[in-house]
Amino acid sequence: ILFQVPQYEHLQILICNGNSLTTLAGVEHIKRLWKLDVGNNQ
């Protein structure tokens, strides 16, 4: 799934920094935000 939101750009920065724990938390956070957005759009 490709989606472009500011949070995703922030996630890429976290990945580049190599902070796996923070990145994992960011991924879960983005998943929740994306699901909320999809739910609101349907």
PDB file of N, CA and C in Angstrom:
ATOM      1  N   ILE A   1       0.859  -1.192   0.000  1.00  0.00           N
ATOM      2  CA  ILE A   1       0.000   0.000   0.000  1.00  0.00           C
ATOM      3  C   ILE A   1       0.890   1.236   0.000  1.00  0.00           C
ATOM      4  N   LEU A   2       0.660   2.113  -0.969  1.00  0.00           N
ATOM      5  CA  LEU A   2       1.421   3.360  -1.015  1.00  0.00           C
ATOM      6  C   LEU A   2       0.523   4.515  -0.618  1.00  0.00           C
ATOM      7  N   PHE A   3       0.974   5.297   0.318  1.00  0.00           N
ATOM      8  CA  PHE A   3       0.211   6.476   0.705  1.00  0.00           C
ATOM      9  C   PHE A   3       1.190   7.566   1.085  1.00  0.00           C
ATOM     10  N   GLN A   4       0.870   8.785   0.687  1.00  0.00           N
ATOM     11  CA  GLN A   4       1.792   9.889   0.910  1.00  0.00           C
ATOM     12  C   GLN A   4       1.188  10.870   1.910  1.00  0.00           C
ATOM     13  N   VAL A   5       1.713  10.861   3.111  1.00  0.00           N
ATOM     14  CA  VAL A   5       1.291  11.793   4.147  1.00  0.00           C
ATOM     15  C   VAL A   5       2.533  12.286   4.870  1.00  0.00           C
ATOM     16  N   PRO A   6       2.471  13.418   5.527  1.00  0.00           N
ATOM     17  CA  PRO A   6       3.635  13.938   6.257  1.00  0.00           C
ATOM     18  C   PRO A   6       4.224  12.903   7.217  1.00  0.00           C
ATOM     19  N   GLN A   7       3.358  12.103   7.849  1.00  0.00           N
ATOM     20  CA  GLN A   7       3.846  11.099   8.792  1.00  0.00           C
ATOM     21  C   GLN A   7       4.743  10.082   8.094  1.00  0.00           C
ATOM     22  N   TYR A   8       4.427   9.782   6.827  1.00  0.00           N
ATOM     23  CA  TYR A   8       5.226   8.800   6.092  1.00  0.00           C
ATOM     24  C   TYR A   8       6.618   9.359   5.813  1.00  0.00           C
ATOM     25  N   GLU A   9       6.679  10.647   5.490  1.00  0.00           N
ATOM     26  CA  GLU A   9       7.977  11.278   5.263  1.00  0.00           C
ATOM     27  C   GLU A   9       8.794  11.236   6.551  1.00  0.00           C
ATOM     28  N   HIS A  10       8.126  11.446   7.679  1.00  0.00           N
ATOM     29  CA  HIS A  10       8.800  11.396   8.975  1.00  0.00           C
ATOM     30  C   HIS A  10       9.328   9.988   9.228  1.00  0.00           C
ATOM     31  N   LEU A  11       8.550   8.980   8.836  1.00  0.00           N
ATOM     32  CA  LEU A  11       8.972   7.586   9.014  1.00  0.00           C
ATOM     33  C   LEU A  11      10.240   7.309   8.231  1.00  0.00           C
ATOM     34  N   GLN A  12      10.328   7.822   7.010  1.00  0.00           N
ATOM     35  CA  GLN A  12      11.525   7.614   6.196  1.00  0.00           C
ATOM     36  C   GLN A  12      12.745   8.191   6.902  1.00  0.00           C
ATOM     37  N   ILE A  13      12.580   9.337   7.554  1.00  0.00           N
ATOM     38  CA  ILE A  13      13.686   9.951   8.293  1.00  0.00           C
ATOM     39  C   ILE A  13      14.112   9.020   9.430  1.00  0.00           C
ATOM     40  N   LEU A  14      13.138   8.442  10.130  1.00  0.00           N
ATOM     41  CA  LEU A  14      13.455   7.539  11.233  1.00  0.00           C
ATOM     42  C   LEU A  14      14.217   6.325  10.727  1.00  0.00           C
ATOM     43  N   ILE A  15      13.782   5.791   9.568  1.00  0.00           N
ATOM     44  CA  ILE A  15      14.459   4.621   9.000  1.00  0.00           C
ATOM     45  C   ILE A  15      15.898   4.987   8.650  1.00  0.00           C
ATOM     46  N   CYS A  16      16.083   6.172   8.076  1.00  0.00           N
ATOM     47  CA  CYS A  16      17.432   6.599   7.701  1.00  0.00           C
ATOM     48  C   CYS A  16      18.321   6.726   8.934  1.00  0.00           C
ATOM     49  N   ASN A  17      17.717   7.104  10.055  1.00  0.00           N
ATOM     50  CA  ASN A  17      18.486   7.239  11.284  1.00  0.00           C
ATOM     51  C   ASN A  17      18.819   5.876  11.885  1.00  0.00           C
ATOM     52  N   GLY A  18      18.124   4.837  11.428  1.00  0.00           N
ATOM     53  CA  GLY A  18      18.433   3.486  11.877  1.00  0.00           C
ATOM     54  C   GLY A  18      17.939   3.173  13.274  1.00  0.00           C
ATOM     55  N   ASN A  19      16.979   3.938  13.765  1.00  0.00           N
ATOM     56  CA  ASN A  19      16.435   3.664  15.097  1.00  0.00           C
ATOM     57  C   ASN A  19      15.277   2.690  14.939  1.00  0.00           C
ATOM     58  N   SER A  20      15.572   1.398  15.031  1.00  0.00           N
ATOM     59  CA  SER A  20      14.581   0.368  14.715  1.00  0.00           C
ATOM     60  C   SER A  20      13.374   0.428  15.651  1.00  0.00           C
ATOM     61  N   LEU A  21      13.594   0.682  16.929  1.00  0.00           N
ATOM     62  CA  LEU A  21      12.473   0.719  17.870  1.00  0.00           C
ATOM     63  C   LEU A  21      11.541   1.878  17.548  1.00  0.00           C
ATOM     64  N   THR A  22      12.122   3.037  17.292  1.00  0.00           N
ATOM     65  CA  THR A  22      11.308   4.203  16.981  1.00  0.00           C
ATOM     66  C   THR A  22      10.600   4.006  15.648  1.00  0.00           C
ATOM     67  N   THR A  23      11.311   3.403  14.691  1.00  0.00           N
ATOM     68  CA  THR A  23      10.717   3.166  13.378  1.00  0.00           C
ATOM     69  C   THR A  23       9.530   2.224  13.497  1.00  0.00           C
ATOM     70  N   LEU A  24       9.677   1.175  14.293  1.00  0.00           N
ATOM     71  CA  LEU A  24       8.586   0.222  14.476  1.00  0.00           C
ATOM     72  C   LEU A  24       7.366   0.920  15.063  1.00  0.00           C
ATOM     73  N   ALA A  25       7.589   1.757  16.062  1.00  0.00           N
ATOM     74  CA  ALA A  25       6.493   2.505  16.662  1.00  0.00           C
ATOM     75  C   ALA A  25       5.861   3.428  15.623  1.00  0.00           C
ATOM     76  N   GLY A  26       6.705   4.036  14.784  1.00  0.00           N
ATOM     77  CA  GLY A  26       6.198   4.929  13.742  1.00  0.00           C
ATOM     78  C   GLY A  26       5.339   4.177  12.741  1.00  0.00           C
ATOM     79  N   VAL A  27       5.779   2.966  12.371  1.00  0.00           N
ATOM     80  CA  VAL A  27       5.010   2.155  11.424  1.00  0.00           C
ATOM     81  C   VAL A  27       3.633   1.839  11.995  1.00  0.00           C
ATOM     82  N   GLU A  28       3.585   1.416  13.246  1.00  0.00           N
ATOM     83  CA  GLU A  28       2.304   1.082  13.869  1.00  0.00           C
ATOM     84  C   GLU A  28       1.412   2.314  13.942  1.00  0.00           C
ATOM     85  N   HIS A  29       2.016   3.459  14.253  1.00  0.00           N
ATOM     86  CA  HIS A  29       1.266   4.710  14.343  1.00  0.00           C
ATOM     87  C   HIS A  29       0.669   5.061  12.990  1.00  0.00           C
ATOM     88  N   ILE A  30       1.463   4.925  11.932  1.00  0.00           N
ATOM     89  CA  ILE A  30       0.993   5.238  10.581  1.00  0.00           C
ATOM     90  C   ILE A  30      -0.102   4.268  10.153  1.00  0.00           C
ATOM     91  N   LYS A  31       0.032   3.002  10.511  1.00  0.00           N
ATOM     92  CA  LYS A  31      -1.010   2.027  10.176  1.00  0.00           C
ATOM     93  C   LYS A  31      -2.336   2.461  10.780  1.00  0.00           C
ATOM     94  N   ARG A  32      -2.306   2.895  12.044  1.00  0.00           N
ATOM     95  CA  ARG A  32      -3.543   3.321  12.702  1.00  0.00           C
ATOM     96  C   ARG A  32      -4.106   4.557  12.026  1.00  0.00           C
ATOM     97  N   LEU A  33      -3.240   5.528  11.709  1.00  0.00           N
ATOM     98  CA  LEU A  33      -3.703   6.744  11.044  1.00  0.00           C
ATOM     99  C   LEU A  33      -4.305   6.408   9.691  1.00  0.00           C
ATOM    100  N   TRP A  34      -3.644   5.511   8.948  1.00  0.00           N
ATOM    101  CA  TRP A  34      -4.114   5.158   7.611  1.00  0.00           C
ATOM    102  C   TRP A  34      -5.473   4.463   7.687  1.00  0.00           C
ATOM    103  N   LYS A  35      -5.630   3.562   8.652  1.00  0.00           N
ATOM    104  CA  LYS A  35      -6.906   2.866   8.821  1.00  0.00           C
ATOM    105  C   LYS A  35      -8.003   3.863   9.166  1.00  0.00           C
ATOM    106  N   LEU A  36      -7.690   4.846   9.995  1.00  0.00           N
ATOM    107  CA  LEU A  36      -8.676   5.866  10.334  1.00  0.00           C
ATOM    108  C   LEU A  36      -9.062   6.663   9.103  1.00  0.00           C
ATOM    109  N   ASP A  37      -8.063   7.025   8.290  1.00  0.00           N
ATOM    110  CA  ASP A  37      -8.328   7.794   7.073  1.00  0.00           C
ATOM    111  C   ASP A  37      -9.200   6.986   6.117  1.00  0.00           C
ATOM    112  N   VAL A  38      -8.890   5.703   5.952  1.00  0.00           N
ATOM    113  CA  VAL A  38      -9.675   4.845   5.059  1.00  0.00           C
ATOM    114  C   VAL A  38     -11.107   4.737   5.571  1.00  0.00           C
ATOM    115  N   GLY A  39     -11.251   4.571   6.879  1.00  0.00           N
ATOM    116  CA  GLY A  39     -12.585   4.464   7.468  1.00  0.00           C
ATOM    117  C   GLY A  39     -13.395   5.732   7.256  1.00  0.00           C
ATOM    118  N   ASN A  40     -12.738   6.880   7.328  1.00  0.00           N
ATOM    119  CA  ASN A  40     -13.426   8.150   7.147  1.00  0.00           C
ATOM    120  C   ASN A  40     -13.815   8.367   5.694  1.00  0.00           C
ATOM    121  N   ASN A  41     -13.044   7.786   4.778  1.00  0.00           N
ATOM    122  CA  ASN A  41     -13.299   7.993   3.352  1.00  0.00           C
ATOM    123  C   ASN A  41     -14.387   7.069   2.823  1.00  0.00           C
ATOM    124  N   GLN A  42     -14.662   6.001   3.528  1.00  0.00           N
ATOM    125  CA  GLN A  42     -15.648   5.043   3.020  1.00  0.00           C
ATOM    126  C   GLN A  42     -17.059   5.391   3.459  1.00  0.00           C
TER     127      GLN A  42
END
